[in-house]
Structure formats: C-alpha cells, structure tokens
Protein backbone atom coordinates (compact mmCIF):
# COMPACT_ATOMS: atom_id res chain seq x y z
CA UNK A 1 0.00 0.00 0.00
CA UNK A 2 2.81 2.46 0.77
CA UNK A 3 4.65 3.92 -2.22
CA UNK A 4 7.96 2.32 -3.10
CA UNK A 5 11.38 3.94 -3.34
CA UNK A 6 11.82 5.57 -6.77
CA UNK A 7 8.06 5.58 -7.34
CA UNK A 8 6.47 8.65 -8.89
CA UNK A 9 3.99 10.45 -6.65
CA UNK A 10 1.67 13.41 -7.16
CA UNK A 11 1.02 16.09 -4.54
CA UNK A 12 -1.53 18.82 -3.94
CA UNK A 13 -1.23 21.46 -1.23
CA UNK A 14 -4.20 21.44 1.16
CA UNK A 15 -6.80 22.76 1.38
CA UNK A 16 -7.85 21.98 -2.20
CA UNK A 17 -10.75 24.21 -3.20
CA UNK A 18 -11.31 22.67 -6.63
CA UNK A 19 -9.88 19.19 -7.26
CA UNK A 20 -9.94 19.63 -11.04
CA UNK A 21 -8.20 23.02 -11.25
CA UNK A 22 -5.76 22.60 -8.34
CA UNK A 23 -2.07 22.54 -9.25
CA UNK A 24 -0.59 19.07 -9.17
CA UNK A 25 3.06 18.64 -8.22
CA UNK A 26 5.19 15.68 -9.21
CA UNK A 27 7.87 14.11 -7.02
CA UNK A 28 9.76 10.86 -6.57
CA UNK A 29 10.20 8.79 -3.42
CA UNK A 30 13.87 8.91 -2.40
CA UNK A 31 13.74 6.90 0.83
CA UNK A 32 11.40 5.55 3.51
CA UNK A 33 12.25 5.09 7.20
CA UNK A 34 10.25 4.26 10.33
CA UNK A 35 8.69 7.71 10.58
CA UNK A 36 8.99 9.49 7.26
CA UNK A 37 8.70 9.22 3.53
CA UNK A 38 11.51 11.24 1.95
CA UNK A 39 10.66 12.91 -1.35
CA UNK A 40 12.54 14.90 -3.94
CA UNK A 41 11.60 18.58 -4.18
CA UNK A 42 8.36 18.55 -6.23
CA UNK A 43 7.95 20.09 -9.65
CA UNK A 44 4.90 22.00 -10.80
CA UNK A 45 4.74 20.78 -14.38
CA UNK A 46 2.34 23.53 -15.41
CA UNK A 47 4.64 26.41 -14.42
CA UNK A 48 7.86 24.35 -14.75
CA UNK A 49 8.92 25.64 -11.32
CA UNK A 50 9.95 23.71 -8.24
CA UNK A 51 7.70 24.01 -5.21
CA UNK A 52 9.51 24.92 -2.00
CA UNK A 53 8.10 22.75 0.83
CA UNK A 54 7.42 24.44 4.16
CA UNK A 55 7.54 22.71 7.55
CA UNK A 56 3.97 21.98 8.65
CA UNK A 57 2.54 22.32 5.13
CA UNK A 58 -0.48 20.06 4.66
CA UNK A 59 -0.38 17.83 1.60
CA UNK A 60 -2.48 15.27 -0.18
CA UNK A 61 -0.36 12.63 -1.91
CA UNK A 62 -1.52 10.08 -4.43
CA UNK A 63 0.19 7.44 -6.54
CA UNK A 64 -0.71 4.53 -8.78
CA UNK A 65 0.20 0.88 -8.48
CA UNK A 66 -0.19 -2.12 -10.74
CA UNK A 67 -3.60 -2.47 -12.40
CA UNK A 68 -4.13 1.27 -12.04
CA UNK A 69 -5.20 1.38 -8.40
CA UNK A 70 -4.95 4.93 -7.06
CA UNK A 71 -3.81 5.31 -3.43
CA UNK A 72 -4.32 8.59 -1.57
CA UNK A 73 -3.38 9.89 1.87
CA UNK A 74 -3.10 13.23 3.67
CA UNK A 75 0.12 14.16 5.42
CA UNK A 76 2.35 17.13 6.25
CA UNK A 77 5.92 18.25 5.71
CA UNK A 78 8.09 17.36 8.71
CA UNK A 79 11.74 17.98 7.78
CA UNK A 80 14.00 19.36 5.05
CA UNK A 81 17.53 18.22 4.31
CA UNK A 82 20.24 18.58 1.71
CA UNK A 83 21.44 15.20 0.49
CA UNK A 84 22.95 14.54 -2.92
CA UNK A 85 19.78 16.34 -3.96
CA UNK A 86 17.46 18.38 -1.69
CA UNK A 87 14.82 16.24 0.01
CA UNK A 88 11.85 16.79 2.28
CA UNK A 89 10.14 14.40 4.65
CA UNK A 90 6.43 13.85 5.10
CA UNK A 91 4.81 11.89 7.90
CA UNK A 92 4.41 8.24 6.93
CA UNK A 93 0.70 7.35 7.17
CA UNK A 94 -0.82 4.38 8.89
CA UNK A 95 -2.17 1.87 6.39
CA UNK A 96 -5.68 2.65 7.62
CA UNK A 97 -5.21 6.27 6.49
CA UNK A 98 -4.62 5.30 2.85
CA UNK A 99 -7.65 5.13 0.60
CA UNK A 100 -7.64 3.09 -2.61
CA UNK A 101 -9.67 3.56 -5.75
CA UNK A 102 -9.83 1.56 -8.98
CA UNK A 103 -9.52 4.07 -11.80
CA UNK A 104 -10.69 2.21 -14.87
CA UNK A 105 -11.39 5.43 -16.74
CA UNK A 106 -7.79 6.43 -16.03
CA UNK A 107 -6.33 3.07 -16.98
CA UNK A 108 -6.92 3.51 -20.68
CA UNK A 109 -6.78 6.79 -22.61
CA UNK A 110 -6.93 7.57 -26.31
CA UNK A 111 -3.37 8.17 -27.45
CA UNK A 112 -1.53 8.03 -30.78
CA UNK A 113 1.97 6.96 -29.79
CA UNK A 114 4.66 5.20 -31.76
CA UNK A 115 5.27 1.60 -30.73
CA UNK A 116 8.08 -0.66 -32.00
CA UNK A 117 7.18 -4.35 -32.03
CA UNK A 118 9.29 -7.48 -32.33
CA UNK A 119 7.86 -10.96 -32.94
CA UNK A 120 10.45 -13.72 -32.77
CA UNK A 121 13.78 -13.10 -34.52
CA UNK A 122 12.57 -11.95 -37.93
CA UNK A 123 9.39 -9.91 -37.64
CA UNK A 124 9.83 -6.26 -36.65
CA UNK A 125 7.58 -3.30 -37.34
CA UNK A 126 6.38 0.03 -35.95
CA UNK A 127 2.77 1.05 -35.46
CA UNK A 128 0.64 3.78 -33.91
CA UNK A 129 -1.37 3.08 -30.78
CA UNK A 130 -5.11 3.62 -30.56
CA UNK A 131 -5.17 3.75 -26.77
CA UNK A 132 -2.82 3.14 -23.87
CA UNK A 133 -3.41 2.20 -20.24
CA UNK A 134 -1.82 0.87 -17.10
CA UNK A 135 -2.72 -2.67 -18.09
CA UNK A 136 -2.18 -2.74 -21.84
CA UNK A 137 -2.62 -0.97 -25.14
CA UNK A 138 -3.97 -1.40 -28.65
CA UNK A 139 -2.48 -0.46 -32.02
CA UNK A 140 -3.29 -0.56 -35.72
CA UNK A 141 -1.05 -2.42 -38.13
CA UNK A 142 -1.05 -4.02 -41.60
CA UNK A 143 -2.75 -7.43 -41.76
CA UNK A 144 0.31 -9.03 -43.32
CA UNK A 145 1.91 -9.75 -39.94
CA UNK A 146 1.14 -13.10 -38.21
CA UNK A 147 -0.68 -11.65 -35.21
CA UNK A 148 -3.32 -13.63 -33.35
CA UNK A 149 -4.59 -14.03 -29.76
CA UNK A 150 -2.06 -15.64 -27.42
CA UNK A 151 1.01 -14.40 -29.32
CA UNK A 152 3.63 -12.61 -27.18
CA UNK A 153 5.27 -9.44 -28.54
CA UNK A 154 8.35 -7.54 -27.36
CA UNK A 155 7.51 -3.83 -27.45
CA UNK A 156 9.04 -0.41 -26.96
CA UNK A 157 6.55 2.42 -26.48
CA UNK A 158 7.57 6.03 -27.12
CA UNK A 159 6.09 8.36 -24.49
CA UNK A 160 6.07 12.14 -24.84
CA UNK A 161 5.31 14.02 -21.63
CA UNK A 162 3.72 17.43 -21.33
CA UNK A 163 7.05 19.00 -20.20
CA UNK A 164 8.67 17.98 -23.50
CA UNK A 165 10.63 15.02 -22.11
CA UNK A 166 10.55 11.72 -23.98
CA UNK A 167 10.80 8.24 -22.49
CA UNK A 168 10.68 4.66 -23.75
CA UNK A 169 8.75 1.95 -21.93
CA UNK A 170 9.84 -1.62 -22.61
CA UNK A 171 7.54 -4.58 -22.01
CA UNK A 172 6.25 -7.88 -23.31
CA UNK A 173 2.60 -7.94 -24.30
CA UNK A 174 0.19 -10.74 -25.01
CA UNK A 175 -2.36 -10.28 -27.78
CA UNK A 176 -5.88 -10.78 -26.46
CA UNK A 177 -7.85 -9.86 -29.58
CA UNK A 178 -7.31 -8.96 -33.24
CA UNK A 179 -10.07 -7.09 -35.05
CA UNK A 180 -9.83 -6.92 -38.84
CA UNK A 181 -11.03 -3.60 -40.20
CA UNK A 182 -11.91 -2.29 -43.62
CA UNK A 183 -8.95 -2.14 -45.95
CA UNK A 184 -5.76 -3.94 -44.98
CA UNK A 185 -5.51 -2.88 -41.35
CA UNK A 186 -6.07 -4.74 -38.10
CA UNK A 187 -6.64 -3.42 -34.60
CA UNK A 188 -4.50 -5.42 -32.17
CA UNK A 189 -5.51 -5.37 -28.49
CA UNK A 190 -2.79 -6.37 -26.06
CA UNK A 191 -2.29 -6.73 -22.31
CA UNK A 192 1.00 -6.32 -20.48
CA UNK A 193 2.40 -9.76 -19.80
CA UNK A 194 5.85 -8.87 -18.42
CA UNK A 195 6.60 -5.30 -17.40
CA UNK A 196 8.70 -3.91 -14.56
CA UNK A 197 7.25 -1.49 -12.02
CA UNK A 198 9.46 1.33 -13.28
CA UNK A 199 8.41 0.84 -16.90
CA UNK A 200 4.75 0.61 -15.95
CA UNK A 201 5.05 3.81 -13.90
CA UNK A 202 6.26 5.63 -17.01
CA UNK A 203 3.08 4.62 -18.81
CA UNK A 204 0.85 5.43 -15.83
CA UNK A 205 2.42 8.88 -15.58
CA UNK A 206 1.72 9.48 -19.28
CA UNK A 207 -1.89 8.35 -18.87
CA UNK A 208 -2.36 10.59 -15.85
CA UNK A 209 -1.05 13.62 -17.73
CA UNK A 210 -3.10 12.74 -20.78
CA UNK A 211 -6.26 12.45 -18.70
CA UNK A 212 -5.62 15.84 -17.10
CA UNK A 213 -5.14 17.44 -20.53
CA UNK A 214 -8.32 15.85 -21.90
CA UNK A 215 -10.33 16.91 -18.85
CA UNK A 216 -9.12 20.51 -18.99
CA UNK A 217 -9.69 20.63 -22.74
C-alpha cells in the first residue's frame, strides 16, 4: 500500500478548493524510514517551477500501483535536508489512512503513440497506438503480420510528456484480440504480460497527464 522507493507520486497542497483546477506537483520517493517518507523537491509541471516545501505544510499525496489502483493519503511536511539532492520528509501514514480507488477510466486513454514491435527473430515493425493504459494498449497495423490471440510481442513504447521530455517503456505484451477492419488494417488489443514497475510507472504517468489534458480541454 505504501509507495515504493523511486516511485512517482503526485502532490496537492491542502486545502484543495477545486480538485480539477488545483495545481498538481510531481515528485519521486527517495527513501522511507520508520517515521517518514523522503521525497525529492516537487515540480509543478504547469509552471515548470519547483515548489519549496514548508515545515507543517499540509499535503495530499496520491500514486498509482499495478492495475491502475490509485492510493491517496493526507500528510504534512516534517523535515527538510540537503542530500545529494534536496529532500523533504512527510509523515508516513498508517495503512488505515490510505484510501484506494480503482480508476478504470484512467487506466486507458486515447493516445496516438509510436510503438516498436518485435515478434520472434525476424518480424519487426512500428505502429501507432489507438489507446494506452496501465494494463495494456492497442495499435493498428497491416494485416500481413502473423498476429493472433495468445502471441507474445516484445515492445518499446515512445512516451512524450507534457514538459517535453521523452521516455521509452519496454515490455512484453500478449495479444488478447485482433479485429480486422476495412482495408488492410487490423486493430490489435494487447495486455502487459511482463513489465517492470518502473516501466509501468512511465506509462501510468503518461496516462495521468493525458487524462488531465483531456479533462481541462
């Protein structure tokens, strides 16, 4: 239930008057001890400025785990310290203070991203995704490739974040459905079969940003 070291977290300064318009800060968990969760100084991705934590500042923190479950807890800033990078500590919550929510509408968002696919040793191609989520994705591709349910693909997904940074997420996906469309295209629906937490967090972060952009639009 607690976030893991190196996991991406999202913060909002309390009180939040309007959940949809409130600024969301992004930070990464640097360490966890008996009392505190130590976080990197958070970045406001809208203004591209770092937020300076203040002792006693009330915060709401949320993060996503496998299968897109959103965990949320309220806490406050307890300490500041200069390590290799500046860090701040928030009170570690009791497990009973953490609320969890399945975010199926978050899990999958419409997104046209480039995906590189490898099947075996000889078949390689690139395609454009139709949607992406914390549990899988779908993409359109020419029918000529031997794609059918149950086939495992090695994939590299190109993610472009709202701050201009680009990342690649590597995973193995299993085809769950192939829908032949008009013309010579097929829609391939795939679930993540083997993906590390860090790679999945990259995709979840993209989906979260994408959902915010779509909601504000």
